[in-house]
Amino acid sequence: AKKSVASLQTGSKRLTKAIKMVKSPKTGAYTFVESIMTPEAVN
C-alpha cells in the first residue's frame, strides 16, 4: 500500500487521499484503489 503525501483541505475539514494497490484473484494483475477520507481513518 502507498499513502499519498498531499492532504486536501476543504473549509474546516482536513481530508487525505489514500491509494492502495490490490491484486486481482482472477488475473493476478494489480489495480489501484483510491479513496478520500479523514487522516484518522487512513491506517
Full PDB file with SEQRES, HELIX, SHEET, SSBOND, CRYST1, ORIGX, SCALE, CONECT and MASTER records, all heavy atoms in Angstrom:
SEQRES   1 A   43  ALA LYS LYS SER VAL ALA SER LEU GLN THR GLY SER LYS          
SEQRES   2 A   43  ARG LEU THR LYS ALA ILE LYS MET VAL LYS SER PRO LYS          
SEQRES   3 A   43  THR GLY ALA TYR THR PHE VAL GLU SER ILE MET THR PRO          
SEQRES   4 A   43  GLU ALA VAL ASN                                              
HELIX    1 AA1 PRO A   39  ALA A   41  5                                   3    
SHEET    1 AA1 3 LYS A   2  THR A  10  0                                        
SHEET    2 AA1 3 LYS A  13  LYS A  23 -1                                        
SHEET    3 AA1 3 TYR A  30  MET A  37 -1                                        
CRYST1    1.000    1.000    1.000  90.00  90.00  90.00 P 1           1          
ORIGX1      1.000000  0.000000  0.000000        0.00000                         
ORIGX2      0.000000  1.000000  0.000000        0.00000                         
ORIGX3      0.000000  0.000000  1.000000        0.00000                         
SCALE1      1.000000  0.000000  0.000000        0.00000                         
SCALE2      0.000000  1.000000  0.000000        0.00000                         
SCALE3      0.000000  0.000000  1.000000        0.00000                         
ATOM      1  N   ALA A   1       0.839  -1.186   0.000  1.00  0.00           N  
ATOM      2  CA  ALA A   1       0.000   0.000   0.000  1.00  0.00           C  
ATOM      3  C   ALA A   1       0.878   1.240   0.000  1.00  0.00           C  
ATOM      4  O   ALA A   1       2.009   1.219   0.464  1.00  0.00           O  
ATOM      5  CB  ALA A   1      -0.908   0.000   1.212  1.00  0.00           C  
ATOM      6  N   LYS A   2       0.308   2.309  -0.503  1.00  0.00           N  
ATOM      7  CA  LYS A   2       1.049   3.562  -0.584  1.00  0.00           C  
ATOM      8  C   LYS A   2       0.130   4.674  -0.125  1.00  0.00           C  
ATOM      9  O   LYS A   2      -1.033   4.710  -0.500  1.00  0.00           O  
ATOM     10  CB  LYS A   2       1.489   3.738  -2.026  1.00  0.00           C  
ATOM     11  CG  LYS A   2       1.876   5.113  -2.444  1.00  0.00           C  
ATOM     12  CD  LYS A   2       2.388   5.074  -3.857  1.00  0.00           C  
ATOM     13  CE  LYS A   2       1.559   5.909  -4.751  1.00  0.00           C  
ATOM     14  NZ  LYS A   2       2.101   6.052  -6.070  1.00  0.00           N  
ATOM     15  N   LYS A   3       0.630   5.556   0.714  1.00  0.00           N  
ATOM     16  CA  LYS A   3      -0.161   6.682   1.189  1.00  0.00           C  
ATOM     17  C   LYS A   3       0.320   7.932   0.473  1.00  0.00           C  
ATOM     18  O   LYS A   3       1.510   8.190   0.410  1.00  0.00           O  
ATOM     19  CB  LYS A   3       0.017   6.844   2.693  1.00  0.00           C  
ATOM     20  CG  LYS A   3      -0.995   7.778   3.315  1.00  0.00           C  
ATOM     21  CD  LYS A   3      -0.714   8.103   4.753  1.00  0.00           C  
ATOM     22  CE  LYS A   3      -0.482   6.953   5.647  1.00  0.00           C  
ATOM     23  NZ  LYS A   3      -0.311   7.331   7.047  1.00  0.00           N  
ATOM     24  N   SER A   4      -0.598   8.695  -0.090  1.00  0.00           N  
ATOM     25  CA  SER A   4      -0.186   9.895  -0.816  1.00  0.00           C  
ATOM     26  C   SER A   4       0.244  10.977   0.164  1.00  0.00           C  
ATOM     27  O   SER A   4      -0.179  11.012   1.308  1.00  0.00           O  
ATOM     28  CB  SER A   4      -1.325  10.393  -1.695  1.00  0.00           C  
ATOM     29  OG  SER A   4      -2.352  10.917  -0.892  1.00  0.00           O  
ATOM     30  N   VAL A   5       1.081  11.874  -0.301  1.00  0.00           N  
ATOM     31  CA  VAL A   5       1.652  12.911   0.539  1.00  0.00           C  
ATOM     32  C   VAL A   5       0.699  14.089   0.691  1.00  0.00           C  
ATOM     33  O   VAL A   5       0.601  14.679   1.746  1.00  0.00           O  
ATOM     34  CB  VAL A   5       2.992  13.392  -0.061  1.00  0.00           C  
ATOM     35  CG1 VAL A   5       3.563  14.518   0.753  1.00  0.00           C  
ATOM     36  CG2 VAL A   5       3.964  12.238  -0.146  1.00  0.00           C  
ATOM     37  N   ALA A   6      -0.042  14.381  -0.348  1.00  0.00           N  
ATOM     38  CA  ALA A   6      -0.888  15.578  -0.333  1.00  0.00           C  
ATOM     39  C   ALA A   6      -2.116  15.361   0.547  1.00  0.00           C  
ATOM     40  O   ALA A   6      -2.749  14.323   0.505  1.00  0.00           O  
ATOM     41  CB  ALA A   6      -1.327  15.909  -1.746  1.00  0.00           C  
ATOM     42  N   SER A   7      -2.433  16.349   1.339  1.00  0.00           N  
ATOM     43  CA  SER A   7      -3.688  16.310   2.079  1.00  0.00           C  
ATOM     44  C   SER A   7      -4.581  17.419   1.536  1.00  0.00           C  
ATOM     45  O   SER A   7      -4.114  18.484   1.158  1.00  0.00           O  
ATOM     46  CB  SER A   7      -3.466  16.455   3.579  1.00  0.00           C  
ATOM     47  OG  SER A   7      -2.679  17.573   3.844  1.00  0.00           O  
ATOM     48  N   LEU A   8      -5.843  17.124   1.462  1.00  0.00           N  
ATOM     49  CA  LEU A   8      -6.810  18.042   0.878  1.00  0.00           C  
ATOM     50  C   LEU A   8      -7.509  18.814   1.985  1.00  0.00           C  
ATOM     51  O   LEU A   8      -7.883  18.230   2.997  1.00  0.00           O  
ATOM     52  CB  LEU A   8      -7.839  17.253   0.074  1.00  0.00           C  
ATOM     53  CG  LEU A   8      -7.246  16.263  -0.941  1.00  0.00           C  
ATOM     54  CD1 LEU A   8      -8.343  15.358  -1.459  1.00  0.00           C  
ATOM     55  CD2 LEU A   8      -6.594  17.000  -2.068  1.00  0.00           C  
ATOM     56  N   GLN A   9      -7.682  20.101   1.806  1.00  0.00           N  
ATOM     57  CA  GLN A   9      -8.365  20.904   2.800  1.00  0.00           C  
ATOM     58  C   GLN A   9      -9.570  21.575   2.157  1.00  0.00           C  
ATOM     59  O   GLN A   9      -9.425  22.280   1.167  1.00  0.00           O  
ATOM     60  CB  GLN A   9      -7.431  21.944   3.386  1.00  0.00           C  
ATOM     61  CG  GLN A   9      -6.300  21.335   4.181  1.00  0.00           C  
ATOM     62  CD  GLN A   9      -5.414  22.399   4.791  1.00  0.00           C  
ATOM     63  OE1 GLN A   9      -5.631  23.584   4.592  1.00  0.00           O  
ATOM     64  NE2 GLN A   9      -4.429  21.971   5.539  1.00  0.00           N  
ATOM     65  N   THR A  10     -10.737  21.315   2.717  1.00  0.00           N  
ATOM     66  CA  THR A  10     -11.957  21.949   2.225  1.00  0.00           C  
ATOM     67  C   THR A  10     -12.638  22.609   3.420  1.00  0.00           C  
ATOM     68  O   THR A  10     -13.177  21.928   4.283  1.00  0.00           O  
ATOM     69  CB  THR A  10     -12.914  20.922   1.587  1.00  0.00           C  
ATOM     70  OG1 THR A  10     -13.205  19.920   2.562  1.00  0.00           O  
ATOM     71  CG2 THR A  10     -12.297  20.269   0.378  1.00  0.00           C  
ATOM     72  N   GLY A  11     -12.586  23.893   3.471  1.00  0.00           N  
ATOM     73  CA  GLY A  11     -13.204  24.615   4.577  1.00  0.00           C  
ATOM     74  C   GLY A  11     -12.510  24.282   5.889  1.00  0.00           C  
ATOM     75  O   GLY A  11     -11.318  24.470   6.040  1.00  0.00           O  
ATOM     76  N   SER A  12     -13.266  23.735   6.837  1.00  0.00           N  
ATOM     77  CA  SER A  12     -12.691  23.402   8.140  1.00  0.00           C  
ATOM     78  C   SER A  12     -12.322  21.930   8.239  1.00  0.00           C  
ATOM     79  O   SER A  12     -11.776  21.509   9.244  1.00  0.00           O  
ATOM     80  CB  SER A  12     -13.696  23.748   9.240  1.00  0.00           C  
ATOM     81  OG  SER A  12     -14.861  22.968   9.064  1.00  0.00           O  
ATOM     82  N   LYS A  13     -12.617  21.118   7.219  1.00  0.00           N  
ATOM     83  CA  LYS A  13     -12.302  19.694   7.263  1.00  0.00           C  
ATOM     84  C   LYS A  13     -10.961  19.416   6.603  1.00  0.00           C  
ATOM     85  O   LYS A  13     -10.643  19.973   5.568  1.00  0.00           O  
ATOM     86  CB  LYS A  13     -13.363  18.881   6.527  1.00  0.00           C  
ATOM     87  CG  LYS A  13     -14.649  18.724   7.262  1.00  0.00           C  
ATOM     88  CD  LYS A  13     -15.511  17.726   6.527  1.00  0.00           C  
ATOM     89  CE  LYS A  13     -16.757  17.409   7.309  1.00  0.00           C  
ATOM     90  NZ  LYS A  13     -17.550  16.406   6.645  1.00  0.00           N  
ATOM     91  N   ARG A  14     -10.171  18.522   7.211  1.00  0.00           N  
ATOM     92  CA  ARG A  14      -8.934  18.043   6.602  1.00  0.00           C  
ATOM     93  C   ARG A  14      -9.211  16.668   6.026  1.00  0.00           C  
ATOM     94  O   ARG A  14      -9.708  15.801   6.723  1.00  0.00           O  
ATOM     95  CB  ARG A  14      -7.815  17.949   7.643  1.00  0.00           C  
ATOM     96  CG  ARG A  14      -7.254  19.298   8.017  1.00  0.00           C  
ATOM     97  CD  ARG A  14      -5.975  19.166   8.833  1.00  0.00           C  
ATOM     98  NE  ARG A  14      -4.981  18.383   8.123  1.00  0.00           N  
ATOM     99  CZ  ARG A  14      -4.310  17.353   8.656  1.00  0.00           C  
ATOM    100  NH1 ARG A  14      -4.556  16.980   9.877  1.00  0.00           N  
ATOM    101  NH2 ARG A  14      -3.413  16.705   7.956  1.00  0.00           N  
ATOM    102  N   LEU A  15      -8.873  16.467   4.784  1.00  0.00           N  
ATOM    103  CA  LEU A  15      -9.080  15.185   4.127  1.00  0.00           C  
ATOM    104  C   LEU A  15      -7.772  14.706   3.524  1.00  0.00           C  
ATOM    105  O   LEU A  15      -6.930  15.498   3.135  1.00  0.00           O  
ATOM    106  CB  LEU A  15     -10.139  15.314   3.023  1.00  0.00           C  
ATOM    107  CG  LEU A  15     -11.524  15.740   3.477  1.00  0.00           C  
ATOM    108  CD1 LEU A  15     -12.418  15.967   2.271  1.00  0.00           C  
ATOM    109  CD2 LEU A  15     -12.141  14.715   4.394  1.00  0.00           C  
ATOM    110  N   THR A  16      -7.623  13.394   3.443  1.00  0.00           N  
ATOM    111  CA  THR A  16      -6.421  12.794   2.873  1.00  0.00           C  
ATOM    112  C   THR A  16      -6.828  11.821   1.788  1.00  0.00           C  
ATOM    113  O   THR A  16      -7.811  11.095   1.937  1.00  0.00           O  
ATOM    114  CB  THR A  16      -5.628  12.045   3.959  1.00  0.00           C  
ATOM    115  OG1 THR A  16      -5.310  12.961   4.991  1.00  0.00           O  
ATOM    116  CG2 THR A  16      -4.352  11.456   3.410  1.00  0.00           C  
ATOM    117  N   LYS A  17      -6.070  11.808   0.701  1.00  0.00           N  
ATOM    118  CA  LYS A  17      -6.314  10.871  -0.384  1.00  0.00           C  
ATOM    119  C   LYS A  17      -5.349   9.712  -0.232  1.00  0.00           C  
ATOM    120  O   LYS A  17      -4.140   9.901  -0.249  1.00  0.00           O  
ATOM    121  CB  LYS A  17      -6.103  11.556  -1.729  1.00  0.00           C  
ATOM    122  CG  LYS A  17      -6.358  10.666  -2.917  1.00  0.00           C  
ATOM    123  CD  LYS A  17      -6.177  11.451  -4.194  1.00  0.00           C  
ATOM    124  CE  LYS A  17      -6.470  10.618  -5.413  1.00  0.00           C  
ATOM    125  NZ  LYS A  17      -6.276  11.377  -6.635  1.00  0.00           N  
ATOM    126  N   ALA A  18      -5.886   8.502  -0.058  1.00  0.00           N  
ATOM    127  CA  ALA A  18      -5.059   7.312   0.118  1.00  0.00           C  
ATOM    128  C   ALA A  18      -5.190   6.427  -1.115  1.00  0.00           C  
ATOM    129  O   ALA A  18      -6.271   6.298  -1.690  1.00  0.00           O  
ATOM    130  CB  ALA A  18      -5.491   6.547   1.357  1.00  0.00           C  
ATOM    131  N   ILE A  19      -4.075   5.815  -1.510  1.00  0.00           N  
ATOM    132  CA  ILE A  19      -4.037   4.957  -2.689  1.00  0.00           C  
ATOM    133  C   ILE A  19      -3.512   3.588  -2.262  1.00  0.00           C  
ATOM    134  O   ILE A  19      -2.473   3.502  -1.614  1.00  0.00           O  
ATOM    135  CB  ILE A  19      -3.131   5.555  -3.783  1.00  0.00           C  
ATOM    136  CG1 ILE A  19      -3.612   6.952  -4.139  1.00  0.00           C  
ATOM    137  CG2 ILE A  19      -3.091   4.656  -4.997  1.00  0.00           C  
ATOM    138  CD1 ILE A  19      -2.652   7.726  -4.992  1.00  0.00           C  
ATOM    139  N   LYS A  20      -4.254   2.538  -2.624  1.00  0.00           N  
ATOM    140  CA  LYS A  20      -3.870   1.190  -2.250  1.00  0.00           C  
ATOM    141  C   LYS A  20      -3.760   0.327  -3.497  1.00  0.00           C  
ATOM    142  O   LYS A  20      -4.575   0.429  -4.401  1.00  0.00           O  
ATOM    143  CB  LYS A  20      -4.930   0.621  -1.297  1.00  0.00           C  
ATOM    144  CG  LYS A  20      -4.650  -0.773  -0.824  1.00  0.00           C  
ATOM    145  CD  LYS A  20      -5.545  -1.278   0.312  1.00  0.00           C  
ATOM    146  CE  LYS A  20      -6.967  -0.896   0.284  1.00  0.00           C  
ATOM    147  NZ  LYS A  20      -7.756  -1.564   1.331  1.00  0.00           N  
ATOM    148  N   MET A  21      -2.742  -0.528  -3.542  1.00  0.00           N  
ATOM    149  CA  MET A  21      -2.557  -1.446  -4.659  1.00  0.00           C  
ATOM    150  C   MET A  21      -3.189  -2.788  -4.278  1.00  0.00           C  
ATOM    151  O   MET A  21      -2.851  -3.359  -3.242  1.00  0.00           O  
ATOM    152  CB  MET A  21      -1.068  -1.625  -4.931  1.00  0.00           C  
ATOM    153  CG  MET A  21      -0.742  -1.926  -6.342  1.00  0.00           C  
ATOM    154  SD  MET A  21       0.991  -1.691  -6.746  1.00  0.00           S  
ATOM    155  CE  MET A  21       1.756  -3.008  -5.883  1.00  0.00           C  
ATOM    156  N   VAL A  22      -4.117  -3.286  -5.116  1.00  0.00           N  
ATOM    157  CA  VAL A  22      -4.847  -4.509  -4.818  1.00  0.00           C  
ATOM    158  C   VAL A  22      -4.618  -5.501  -5.947  1.00  0.00           C  
ATOM    159  O   VAL A  22      -4.736  -5.156  -7.123  1.00  0.00           O  
ATOM    160  CB  VAL A  22      -6.364  -4.217  -4.672  1.00  0.00           C  
ATOM    161  CG1 VAL A  22      -7.130  -5.480  -4.386  1.00  0.00           C  
ATOM    162  CG2 VAL A  22      -6.601  -3.183  -3.597  1.00  0.00           C  
ATOM    163  N   LYS A  23      -4.311  -6.747  -5.579  1.00  0.00           N  
ATOM    164  CA  LYS A  23      -4.069  -7.796  -6.573  1.00  0.00           C  
ATOM    165  C   LYS A  23      -5.377  -8.530  -6.852  1.00  0.00           C  
ATOM    166  O   LYS A  23      -6.072  -8.956  -5.943  1.00  0.00           O  
ATOM    167  CB  LYS A  23      -3.025  -8.780  -6.067  1.00  0.00           C  
ATOM    168  CG  LYS A  23      -2.606  -9.799  -7.092  1.00  0.00           C  
ATOM    169  CD  LYS A  23      -1.461 -10.649  -6.582  1.00  0.00           C  
ATOM    170  CE  LYS A  23      -0.996 -11.587  -7.658  1.00  0.00           C  
ATOM    171  NZ  LYS A  23       0.152 -12.377  -7.217  1.00  0.00           N  
ATOM    172  N   SER A  24      -5.707  -8.679  -8.135  1.00  0.00           N  
ATOM    173  CA  SER A  24      -6.916  -9.375  -8.547  1.00  0.00           C  
ATOM    174  C   SER A  24      -6.729 -10.881  -8.371  1.00  0.00           C  
ATOM    175  O   SER A  24      -5.735 -11.442  -8.826  1.00  0.00           O  
ATOM    176  CB  SER A  24      -7.225  -9.064 -10.011  1.00  0.00           C  
ATOM    177  OG  SER A  24      -8.271  -9.882 -10.478  1.00  0.00           O  
ATOM    178  N   PRO A  25      -7.693 -11.565  -7.720  1.00  0.00           N  
ATOM    179  CA  PRO A  25      -7.549 -13.010  -7.538  1.00  0.00           C  
ATOM    180  C   PRO A  25      -7.687 -13.798  -8.845  1.00  0.00           C  
ATOM    181  O   PRO A  25      -7.115 -14.873  -8.978  1.00  0.00           O  
ATOM    182  CB  PRO A  25      -8.664 -13.371  -6.559  1.00  0.00           C  
ATOM    183  CG  PRO A  25      -9.625 -12.250  -6.617  1.00  0.00           C  
ATOM    184  CD  PRO A  25      -8.871 -11.038  -7.070  1.00  0.00           C  
ATOM    185  N   LYS A  26      -8.429 -13.266  -9.807  1.00  0.00           N  
ATOM    186  CA  LYS A  26      -8.646 -13.975 -11.076  1.00  0.00           C  
ATOM    187  C   LYS A  26      -7.439 -13.878 -12.003  1.00  0.00           C  
ATOM    188  O   LYS A  26      -6.926 -14.889 -12.470  1.00  0.00           O  
ATOM    189  CB  LYS A  26      -9.869 -13.426 -11.798  1.00  0.00           C  
ATOM    190  CG  LYS A  26     -11.179 -13.852 -11.210  1.00  0.00           C  
ATOM    191  CD  LYS A  26     -12.313 -13.370 -12.082  1.00  0.00           C  
ATOM    192  CE  LYS A  26     -13.643 -13.858 -11.558  1.00  0.00           C  
ATOM    193  NZ  LYS A  26     -14.746 -13.412 -12.390  1.00  0.00           N  
ATOM    194  N   THR A  27      -6.999 -12.653 -12.292  1.00  0.00           N  
ATOM    195  CA  THR A  27      -5.958 -12.462 -13.294  1.00  0.00           C  
ATOM    196  C   THR A  27      -4.567 -12.296 -12.700  1.00  0.00           C  
ATOM    197  O   THR A  27      -3.580 -12.472 -13.399  1.00  0.00           O  
ATOM    198  CB  THR A  27      -6.262 -11.218 -14.150  1.00  0.00           C  
ATOM    199  OG1 THR A  27      -6.248 -10.068 -13.294  1.00  0.00           O  
ATOM    200  CG2 THR A  27      -7.601 -11.335 -14.836  1.00  0.00           C  
ATOM    201  N   GLY A  28      -4.473 -11.920 -11.434  1.00  0.00           N  
ATOM    202  CA  GLY A  28      -3.180 -11.680 -10.819  1.00  0.00           C  
ATOM    203  C   GLY A  28      -2.629 -10.294 -11.107  1.00  0.00           C  
ATOM    204  O   GLY A  28      -1.531  -9.961 -10.683  1.00  0.00           O  
ATOM    205  N   ALA A  29      -3.395  -9.480 -11.838  1.00  0.00           N  
ATOM    206  CA  ALA A  29      -2.958  -8.120 -12.153  1.00  0.00           C  
ATOM    207  C   ALA A  29      -3.235  -7.200 -10.959  1.00  0.00           C  
ATOM    208  O   ALA A  29      -4.136  -7.437 -10.164  1.00  0.00           O  
ATOM    209  CB  ALA A  29      -3.703  -7.610 -13.376  1.00  0.00           C  
ATOM    210  N   TYR A  30      -2.429  -6.163 -10.833  1.00  0.00           N  
ATOM    211  CA  TYR A  30      -2.606  -5.187  -9.763  1.00  0.00           C  
ATOM    212  C   TYR A  30      -3.421  -4.003 -10.251  1.00  0.00           C  
ATOM    213  O   TYR A  30      -3.245  -3.533 -11.376  1.00  0.00           O  
ATOM    214  CB  TYR A  30      -1.247  -4.694  -9.257  1.00  0.00           C  
ATOM    215  CG  TYR A  30      -0.529  -5.718  -8.410  1.00  0.00           C  
ATOM    216  CD1 TYR A  30       0.416  -6.559  -8.966  1.00  0.00           C  
ATOM    217  CD2 TYR A  30      -0.815  -5.827  -7.059  1.00  0.00           C  
ATOM    218  CE1 TYR A  30       1.074  -7.492  -8.191  1.00  0.00           C  
ATOM    219  CE2 TYR A  30      -0.161  -6.760  -6.273  1.00  0.00           C  
ATOM    220  CZ  TYR A  30       0.777  -7.587  -6.842  1.00  0.00           C  
ATOM    221  OH  TYR A  30       1.424  -8.505  -6.067  1.00  0.00           O  
ATOM    222  N   THR A  31      -4.317  -3.519  -9.405  1.00  0.00           N  
ATOM    223  CA  THR A  31      -5.093  -2.316  -9.688  1.00  0.00           C  
ATOM    224  C   THR A  31      -4.923  -1.363  -8.506  1.00  0.00           C  
ATOM    225  O   THR A  31      -4.573  -1.782  -7.404  1.00  0.00           O  
ATOM    226  CB  THR A  31      -6.590  -2.626  -9.881  1.00  0.00           C  
ATOM    227  OG1 THR A  31      -7.088  -3.241  -8.695  1.00  0.00           O  
ATOM    228  CG2 THR A  31      -6.811  -3.541 -11.060  1.00  0.00           C  
ATOM    229  N   PHE A  32      -5.180  -0.098  -8.749  1.00  0.00           N  
ATOM    230  CA  PHE A  32      -5.071   0.907  -7.707  1.00  0.00           C  
ATOM    231  C   PHE A  32      -6.467   1.347  -7.286  1.00  0.00           C  
ATOM    232  O   PHE A  32      -7.311   1.641  -8.115  1.00  0.00           O  
ATOM    233  CB  PHE A  32      -4.275   2.117  -8.201  1.00  0.00           C  
ATOM    234  CG  PHE A  32      -2.830   1.795  -8.431  1.00  0.00           C  
ATOM    235  CD1 PHE A  32      -2.374   1.481  -9.693  1.00  0.00           C  
ATOM    236  CD2 PHE A  32      -1.934   1.811  -7.383  1.00  0.00           C  
ATOM    237  CE1 PHE A  32      -1.049   1.184  -9.913  1.00  0.00           C  
ATOM    238  CE2 PHE A  32      -0.600   1.518  -7.583  1.00  0.00           C  
ATOM    239  CZ  PHE A  32      -0.159   1.202  -8.853  1.00  0.00           C  
ATOM    240  N   VAL A  33      -6.690   1.384  -5.964  1.00  0.00           N  
ATOM    241  CA  VAL A  33      -7.957   1.819  -5.390  1.00  0.00           C  
ATOM    242  C   VAL A  33      -7.679   3.112  -4.639  1.00  0.00           C  
ATOM    243  O   VAL A  33      -6.795   3.157  -3.784  1.00  0.00           O  
ATOM    244  CB  VAL A  33      -8.527   0.749  -4.439  1.00  0.00           C  
ATOM    245  CG1 VAL A  33      -9.825   1.219  -3.828  1.00  0.00           C  
ATOM    246  CG2 VAL A  33      -8.725  -0.560  -5.172  1.00  0.00           C  
ATOM    247  N   GLU A  34      -8.420   4.159  -4.972  1.00  0.00           N  
ATOM    248  CA  GLU A  34      -8.226   5.460  -4.334  1.00  0.00           C  
ATOM    249  C   GLU A  34      -9.431   5.800  -3.475  1.00  0.00           C  
ATOM    250  O   GLU A  34     -10.556   5.447  -3.810  1.00  0.00           O  
ATOM    251  CB  GLU A  34      -8.055   6.549  -5.389  1.00  0.00           C  
ATOM    252  CG  GLU A  34      -6.850   6.367  -6.269  1.00  0.00           C  
ATOM    253  CD  GLU A  34      -6.711   7.468  -7.297  1.00  0.00           C  
ATOM    254  OE1 GLU A  34      -7.478   8.453  -7.232  1.00  0.00           O  
ATOM    255  OE2 GLU A  34      -5.839   7.345  -8.166  1.00  0.00           O  
ATOM    256  N   SER A  35      -9.184   6.496  -2.372  1.00  0.00           N  
ATOM    257  CA  SER A  35     -10.263   6.925  -1.502  1.00  0.00           C  
ATOM    258  C   SER A  35      -9.848   8.221  -0.805  1.00  0.00           C  
ATOM    259  O   SER A  35      -8.677   8.403  -0.478  1.00  0.00           O  
ATOM    260  CB  SER A  35     -10.554   5.840  -0.473  1.00  0.00           C  
ATOM    261  OG  SER A  35     -11.611   6.233   0.359  1.00  0.00           O  
ATOM    262  N   ILE A  36     -10.816   9.085  -0.568  1.00  0.00           N  
ATOM    263  CA  ILE A  36     -10.578  10.336   0.152  1.00  0.00           C  
ATOM    264  C   ILE A  36     -11.285  10.229   1.495  1.00  0.00           C  
ATOM    265  O   ILE A  36     -12.481   9.940   1.545  1.00  0.00           O  
ATOM    266  CB  ILE A  36     -11.097  11.541  -0.652  1.00  0.00           C  
ATOM    267  CG1 ILE A  36     -10.315  11.653  -1.961  1.00  0.00           C  
ATOM    268  CG2 ILE A  36     -10.973  12.823   0.163  1.00  0.00           C  
ATOM    269  CD1 ILE A  36     -10.805  12.740  -2.872  1.00  0.00           C  
ATOM    270  N   MET A  37     -10.530  10.422   2.579  1.00  0.00           N  
ATOM    271  CA  MET A  37     -11.073  10.237   3.924  1.00  0.00           C  
ATOM    272  C   MET A  37     -10.339  11.118   4.922  1.00  0.00           C  
ATOM    273  O   MET A  37      -9.394  11.810   4.550  1.00  0.00           O  
ATOM    274  CB  MET A  37     -10.944   8.773   4.327  1.00  0.00           C  
ATOM    275  CG  MET A  37      -9.510   8.319   4.430  1.00  0.00           C  
ATOM    276  SD  MET A  37      -9.305   6.577   4.496  1.00  0.00           S  
ATOM    277  CE  MET A  37      -9.491   6.173   2.783  1.00  0.00           C  
ATOM    278  N   THR A  38     -10.762  11.046   6.179  1.00  0.00           N  
ATOM    279  CA  THR A  38     -10.078  11.797   7.224  1.00  0.00           C  
ATOM    280  C   THR A  38      -8.740  11.124   7.533  1.00  0.00           C  
ATOM    281  O   THR A  38      -8.601   9.909   7.341  1.00  0.00           O  
ATOM    282  CB  THR A  38     -10.923  11.854   8.511  1.00  0.00           C  
ATOM    283  OG1 THR A  38     -11.126  10.523   8.970  1.00  0.00           O  
ATOM    284  CG2 THR A  38     -12.254  12.545   8.275  1.00  0.00           C  
ATOM    285  N   PRO A  39      -7.749  11.876   7.995  1.00  0.00           N  
ATOM    286  CA  PRO A  39      -6.437  11.288   8.276  1.00  0.00           C  
ATOM    287  C   PRO A  39      -6.473  10.167   9.320  1.00  0.00           C  
ATOM    288  O   PRO A  39      -5.661   9.265   9.285  1.00  0.00           O  
ATOM    289  CB  PRO A  39      -5.612  12.468   8.788  1.00  0.00           C  
ATOM    290  CG  PRO A  39      -6.280  13.672   8.245  1.00  0.00           C  
ATOM    291  CD  PRO A  39      -7.738  13.335   8.153  1.00  0.00           C  
ATOM    292  N   GLU A  40      -7.425  10.204  10.252  1.00  0.00           N  
ATOM    293  CA  GLU A  40      -7.519   9.185  11.293  1.00  0.00           C  
ATOM    294  C   GLU A  40      -7.946   7.830  10.733  1.00  0.00           C  
ATOM    295  O   GLU A  40      -7.613   6.788  11.278  1.00  0.00           O  
ATOM    296  CB  GLU A  40      -8.511   9.607  12.378  1.00  0.00           C  
ATOM    297  CG  GLU A  40      -8.089  10.821  13.169  1.00  0.00           C  
ATOM    298  CD  GLU A  40      -8.404  12.133  12.460  1.00  0.00           C  
ATOM    299  OE1 GLU A  40      -9.317  12.168  11.615  1.00  0.00           O  
ATOM    300  OE2 GLU A  40      -7.708  13.125  12.740  1.00  0.00           O  
ATOM    301  N   ALA A  41      -8.685   7.813   9.629  1.00  0.00           N  
ATOM    302  CA  ALA A  41      -9.222   6.570   9.077  1.00  0.00           C  
ATOM    303  C   ALA A  41      -8.296   5.902   8.070  1.00  0.00           C  
ATOM    304  O   ALA A  41      -8.575   4.791   7.624  1.00  0.00           O  
ATOM    305  CB  ALA A  41     -10.573   6.858   8.424  1.00  0.00           C  
ATOM    306  N   VAL A  42      -7.187   6.535   7.724  1.00  0.00           N  
ATOM    307  CA  VAL A  42      -6.315   6.014   6.664  1.00  0.00           C  
ATOM    308  C   VAL A  42      -5.693   4.678   7.054  1.00  0.00           C  
ATOM    309  O   VAL A  42      -5.717   3.728   6.280  1.00  0.00           O  
ATOM    310  CB  VAL A  42      -5.217   7.046   6.309  1.00  0.00           C  
ATOM    311  CG1 VAL A  42      -4.198   6.443   5.371  1.00  0.00           C  
ATOM    312  CG2 VAL A  42      -5.849   8.269   5.674  1.00  0.00           C  
ATOM    313  N   ASN A  43      -5.135   4.558   8.257  1.00  0.00           N  
ATOM    314  CA  ASN A  43      -4.469   3.327   8.651  1.00  0.00           C  
ATOM    315  C   ASN A  43      -5.429   2.153   8.709  1.00  0.00           C  
ATOM    316  O   ASN A  43      -5.079   1.030   8.331  1.00  0.00           O  
ATOM    317  CB  ASN A  43      -3.758   3.492   9.999  1.00  0.00           C  
ATOM    318  CG  ASN A  43      -2.530   4.366   9.867  1.00  0.00           C  
ATOM    319  OD1 ASN A  43      -1.910   4.412   8.816  1.00  0.00           O  
ATOM    320  ND2 ASN A  43      -2.182   5.062  10.919  1.00  0.00           N  
TER     321      ASN A  43                                                      
MASTER        0    0    0    1    3    0    0    6  320    1    0    4          
END                                                                             
